[in-house]
Amino acid sequence: MPFWCPPGRKSGKGYFVYAKGSKARPVNDGALAILKKYSLQPQSALKDEDLQLRMVSRFVNEAVLCLEETILNSPVSFGTRFPLCVSKLVSQ
């Protein structure tokens, strides 16, 4: 980020203003203005279904790795059952 601000402490300014002999570090208003100018808004929010799939995928990936490394004998041994509203991969 050298085009935003010169290196902080060496120049006395960066994201914070560094005054000699002072431990206070107020925010540099110039750096804050640059950050606001170039910041982007998120394109769109994720749907609930996408969030559910992302959360379940973490457990699935971990279970697969445990099976590959023979830490587990079967997927049921992992101790996580899939919610019935999301998937019926494991049922009892």
N, C-alpha and C. Protein backbone atom coordinates (compact mmCIF):
# COMPACT_ATOMS: atom_id res chain seq x y z
N MET A 1 0.81 -1.19 0.00
CA MET A 1 0.00 0.00 0.00
C MET A 1 0.85 1.26 0.00
N PRO A 2 1.98 1.26 -0.65
CA PRO A 2 2.83 2.45 -0.60
C PRO A 2 2.22 3.66 -1.28
N PHE A 3 1.27 3.46 -2.22
CA PHE A 3 0.69 4.61 -2.90
C PHE A 3 -0.32 5.33 -2.00
N TRP A 4 -0.78 4.67 -0.94
CA TRP A 4 -1.73 5.33 -0.05
C TRP A 4 -1.03 6.29 0.89
N CYS A 5 -0.03 5.79 1.58
CA CYS A 5 0.67 6.58 2.60
C CYS A 5 2.12 6.13 2.65
N PRO A 6 3.04 7.05 2.92
CA PRO A 6 4.42 6.62 3.13
C PRO A 6 4.48 5.72 4.37
N PRO A 7 5.55 4.95 4.53
CA PRO A 7 5.66 4.08 5.68
C PRO A 7 5.40 4.82 6.99
N GLY A 8 4.57 4.22 7.84
CA GLY A 8 4.05 4.84 9.05
C GLY A 8 5.02 5.54 9.97
N ARG A 9 5.71 4.83 10.83
CA ARG A 9 6.51 5.45 11.87
C ARG A 9 7.68 6.26 11.31
N LYS A 10 8.26 5.82 10.22
CA LYS A 10 9.41 6.54 9.67
C LYS A 10 9.03 7.93 9.19
N SER A 11 7.85 8.08 8.61
CA SER A 11 7.44 9.38 8.10
C SER A 11 6.61 10.16 9.12
N GLY A 12 6.16 9.47 10.18
CA GLY A 12 5.32 10.13 11.19
C GLY A 12 3.84 9.98 10.91
N LYS A 13 3.50 9.50 9.72
CA LYS A 13 2.10 9.30 9.37
C LYS A 13 1.96 8.01 8.57
N GLY A 14 0.85 7.37 8.76
CA GLY A 14 0.46 6.15 8.04
C GLY A 14 -1.02 6.01 8.31
N TYR A 15 -1.43 4.89 8.84
CA TYR A 15 -2.82 4.77 9.28
C TYR A 15 -3.03 5.61 10.54
N PHE A 16 -1.96 5.80 11.29
CA PHE A 16 -2.00 6.61 12.50
C PHE A 16 -1.01 7.76 12.36
N VAL A 17 -1.17 8.79 13.19
CA VAL A 17 -0.23 9.91 13.23
C VAL A 17 0.70 9.65 14.41
N TYR A 18 2.00 9.53 14.13
CA TYR A 18 2.99 9.25 15.15
C TYR A 18 3.72 10.54 15.49
N ALA A 19 3.44 11.09 16.67
CA ALA A 19 4.12 12.30 17.13
C ALA A 19 5.31 11.88 17.98
N LYS A 20 6.44 12.55 17.79
CA LYS A 20 7.64 12.22 18.57
C LYS A 20 7.39 12.55 20.04
N GLY A 21 7.76 11.60 20.89
CA GLY A 21 7.63 11.80 22.33
C GLY A 21 6.23 11.55 22.87
N SER A 22 5.32 11.12 22.03
CA SER A 22 3.95 10.86 22.48
C SER A 22 3.57 9.42 22.15
N LYS A 23 2.86 8.79 23.09
CA LYS A 23 2.40 7.42 22.84
C LYS A 23 1.01 7.40 22.22
N ALA A 24 0.36 8.55 22.17
CA ALA A 24 -0.97 8.63 21.57
C ALA A 24 -0.85 8.45 20.06
N ARG A 25 -1.78 7.72 19.48
CA ARG A 25 -1.78 7.48 18.03
C ARG A 25 -3.15 7.79 17.46
N PRO A 26 -3.44 9.04 17.19
CA PRO A 26 -4.73 9.34 16.56
C PRO A 26 -4.76 8.83 15.12
N VAL A 27 -5.95 8.49 14.66
CA VAL A 27 -6.12 7.99 13.30
C VAL A 27 -5.82 9.11 12.31
N ASN A 28 -5.09 8.77 11.25
CA ASN A 28 -4.75 9.73 10.20
C ASN A 28 -5.99 9.95 9.32
N ASP A 29 -6.55 11.15 9.35
CA ASP A 29 -7.75 11.46 8.57
C ASP A 29 -7.52 11.31 7.07
N GLY A 30 -6.33 11.62 6.60
CA GLY A 30 -6.01 11.47 5.18
C GLY A 30 -6.06 10.01 4.74
N ALA A 31 -5.50 9.13 5.55
CA ALA A 31 -5.53 7.70 5.24
C ALA A 31 -6.95 7.17 5.30
N LEU A 32 -7.73 7.64 6.27
CA LEU A 32 -9.12 7.22 6.39
C LEU A 32 -9.94 7.64 5.18
N ALA A 33 -9.69 8.85 4.68
CA ALA A 33 -10.40 9.33 3.48
C ALA A 33 -10.06 8.47 2.26
N ILE A 34 -8.79 8.08 2.13
CA ILE A 34 -8.39 7.23 1.01
C ILE A 34 -9.05 5.86 1.11
N LEU A 35 -9.10 5.29 2.31
CA LEU A 35 -9.75 3.99 2.49
C LEU A 35 -11.23 4.06 2.14
N LYS A 36 -11.90 5.12 2.55
CA LYS A 36 -13.32 5.28 2.23
C LYS A 36 -13.53 5.44 0.73
N LYS A 37 -12.63 6.15 0.07
CA LYS A 37 -12.75 6.40 -1.36
C LYS A 37 -12.66 5.11 -2.16
N TYR A 38 -11.78 4.19 -1.77
CA TYR A 38 -11.54 2.98 -2.54
C TYR A 38 -12.24 1.74 -1.99
N SER A 39 -12.99 1.88 -0.90
CA SER A 39 -13.68 0.71 -0.36
C SER A 39 -14.87 0.34 -1.24
N LEU A 40 -15.18 -0.94 -1.30
CA LEU A 40 -16.26 -1.44 -2.13
C LEU A 40 -17.39 -1.97 -1.27
N GLN A 41 -18.59 -1.88 -1.79
CA GLN A 41 -19.75 -2.45 -1.13
C GLN A 41 -19.91 -3.90 -1.59
N PRO A 42 -20.37 -4.79 -0.72
CA PRO A 42 -20.59 -6.17 -1.16
C PRO A 42 -21.61 -6.24 -2.28
N GLN A 43 -21.39 -7.14 -3.22
CA GLN A 43 -22.28 -7.25 -4.37
C GLN A 43 -23.66 -7.74 -3.99
N SER A 44 -23.75 -8.83 -3.26
CA SER A 44 -25.05 -9.35 -2.85
C SER A 44 -24.88 -10.22 -1.62
N ALA A 45 -25.95 -10.33 -0.88
CA ALA A 45 -25.92 -11.17 0.31
C ALA A 45 -26.10 -12.64 -0.09
N LEU A 46 -25.55 -13.52 0.70
CA LEU A 46 -25.71 -14.95 0.44
C LEU A 46 -27.09 -15.40 0.87
N LYS A 47 -27.62 -16.35 0.15
CA LYS A 47 -28.92 -16.91 0.49
C LYS A 47 -28.74 -17.88 1.66
N ASP A 48 -29.83 -18.15 2.37
CA ASP A 48 -29.78 -19.07 3.50
C ASP A 48 -29.30 -20.45 3.07
N GLU A 49 -29.74 -20.89 1.91
CA GLU A 49 -29.34 -22.21 1.42
C GLU A 49 -27.83 -22.28 1.19
N ASP A 50 -27.26 -21.20 0.64
CA ASP A 50 -25.81 -21.17 0.42
C ASP A 50 -25.05 -21.21 1.74
N LEU A 51 -25.54 -20.48 2.74
CA LEU A 51 -24.90 -20.49 4.05
C LEU A 51 -24.95 -21.88 4.68
N GLN A 52 -26.09 -22.54 4.56
CA GLN A 52 -26.22 -23.89 5.10
C GLN A 52 -25.24 -24.85 4.43
N LEU A 53 -25.14 -24.76 3.11
CA LEU A 53 -24.22 -25.64 2.39
C LEU A 53 -22.77 -25.38 2.78
N ARG A 54 -22.42 -24.12 2.98
CA ARG A 54 -21.05 -23.80 3.38
C ARG A 54 -20.73 -24.37 4.76
N MET A 55 -21.68 -24.24 5.69
CA MET A 55 -21.44 -24.74 7.04
C MET A 55 -21.35 -26.27 7.06
N VAL A 56 -22.24 -26.94 6.35
CA VAL A 56 -22.23 -28.40 6.32
C VAL A 56 -20.98 -28.90 5.59
N SER A 57 -20.53 -28.18 4.57
CA SER A 57 -19.36 -28.59 3.79
C SER A 57 -18.11 -28.68 4.65
N ARG A 58 -17.99 -27.83 5.65
CA ARG A 58 -16.82 -27.88 6.54
C ARG A 58 -16.76 -29.21 7.26
N PHE A 59 -17.91 -29.68 7.76
CA PHE A 59 -17.95 -30.95 8.46
C PHE A 59 -17.70 -32.12 7.51
N VAL A 60 -18.26 -32.03 6.32
CA VAL A 60 -18.07 -33.10 5.34
C VAL A 60 -16.60 -33.21 4.97
N ASN A 61 -15.95 -32.08 4.70
CA ASN A 61 -14.53 -32.10 4.34
C ASN A 61 -13.68 -32.69 5.47
N GLU A 62 -13.98 -32.30 6.70
CA GLU A 62 -13.21 -32.82 7.84
C GLU A 62 -13.42 -34.32 8.00
N ALA A 63 -14.66 -34.77 7.82
CA ALA A 63 -14.94 -36.20 7.93
C ALA A 63 -14.22 -36.99 6.85
N VAL A 64 -14.20 -36.46 5.63
CA VAL A 64 -13.50 -37.14 4.53
C VAL A 64 -12.01 -37.23 4.82
N LEU A 65 -11.42 -36.16 5.32
CA LEU A 65 -9.99 -36.19 5.66
C LEU A 65 -9.71 -37.21 6.75
N CYS A 66 -10.59 -37.27 7.75
CA CYS A 66 -10.42 -38.26 8.83
C CYS A 66 -10.53 -39.68 8.29
N LEU A 67 -11.43 -39.90 7.35
CA LEU A 67 -11.56 -41.23 6.75
C LEU A 67 -10.33 -41.59 5.91
N GLU A 68 -9.82 -40.62 5.16
CA GLU A 68 -8.64 -40.87 4.33
C GLU A 68 -7.43 -41.22 5.18
N GLU A 69 -7.30 -40.58 6.33
CA GLU A 69 -6.15 -40.82 7.20
C GLU A 69 -6.40 -41.97 8.17
N THR A 70 -7.49 -42.67 7.97
CA THR A 70 -7.93 -43.80 8.81
C THR A 70 -8.01 -43.45 10.30
N ILE A 71 -8.37 -42.22 10.57
CA ILE A 71 -8.65 -41.82 11.95
C ILE A 71 -10.02 -42.34 12.34
N LEU A 72 -10.92 -42.40 11.37
CA LEU A 72 -12.27 -42.92 11.57
C LEU A 72 -12.47 -44.18 10.74
N ASN A 73 -13.32 -45.06 11.25
CA ASN A 73 -13.66 -46.28 10.51
C ASN A 73 -14.85 -46.07 9.59
N SER A 74 -15.77 -45.18 10.00
CA SER A 74 -16.96 -44.92 9.19
C SER A 74 -17.38 -43.47 9.39
N PRO A 75 -18.15 -42.92 8.46
CA PRO A 75 -18.58 -41.53 8.58
C PRO A 75 -19.42 -41.27 9.82
N VAL A 76 -20.14 -42.28 10.30
CA VAL A 76 -20.99 -42.11 11.49
C VAL A 76 -20.13 -41.88 12.73
N SER A 77 -18.90 -42.38 12.73
CA SER A 77 -18.01 -42.22 13.88
C SER A 77 -17.61 -40.77 14.11
N PHE A 78 -17.77 -39.93 13.11
CA PHE A 78 -17.36 -38.53 13.24
C PHE A 78 -18.19 -37.82 14.30
N GLY A 79 -19.40 -38.28 14.57
CA GLY A 79 -20.20 -37.71 15.63
C GLY A 79 -21.08 -36.56 15.20
N THR A 80 -21.19 -36.31 13.93
CA THR A 80 -22.04 -35.23 13.44
C THR A 80 -23.08 -35.82 12.51
N ARG A 81 -24.31 -35.62 12.85
CA ARG A 81 -25.39 -36.07 11.99
C ARG A 81 -25.87 -34.88 11.18
N PHE A 82 -26.22 -35.11 9.94
CA PHE A 82 -26.72 -34.03 9.10
C PHE A 82 -28.13 -33.66 9.53
N PRO A 83 -28.45 -32.37 9.60
CA PRO A 83 -29.82 -31.98 9.91
C PRO A 83 -30.76 -32.50 8.82
N LEU A 84 -31.89 -33.03 9.20
CA LEU A 84 -32.82 -33.61 8.23
C LEU A 84 -33.32 -32.58 7.24
N CYS A 85 -33.36 -31.29 7.64
CA CYS A 85 -33.85 -30.27 6.71
C CYS A 85 -32.84 -30.00 5.59
N VAL A 86 -31.57 -30.34 5.80
CA VAL A 86 -30.53 -30.07 4.81
C VAL A 86 -30.27 -31.29 3.94
N SER A 87 -30.11 -32.43 4.56
CA SER A 87 -29.75 -33.63 3.81
C SER A 87 -30.13 -34.86 4.61
N LYS A 88 -30.34 -35.96 3.92
CA LYS A 88 -30.65 -37.22 4.59
C LYS A 88 -29.54 -38.22 4.35
N LEU A 89 -28.29 -37.77 4.44
CA LEU A 89 -27.16 -38.66 4.21
C LEU A 89 -27.01 -39.68 5.33
N VAL A 90 -27.29 -39.28 6.56
CA VAL A 90 -27.18 -40.18 7.70
C VAL A 90 -28.52 -40.17 8.40
N SER A 91 -29.12 -41.31 8.56
CA SER A 91 -30.41 -41.37 9.26
C SER A 91 -30.45 -42.60 10.15
N GLN A 92 -31.17 -42.48 11.25
CA GLN A 92 -31.34 -43.60 12.16
C GLN A 92 -32.76 -43.65 12.64
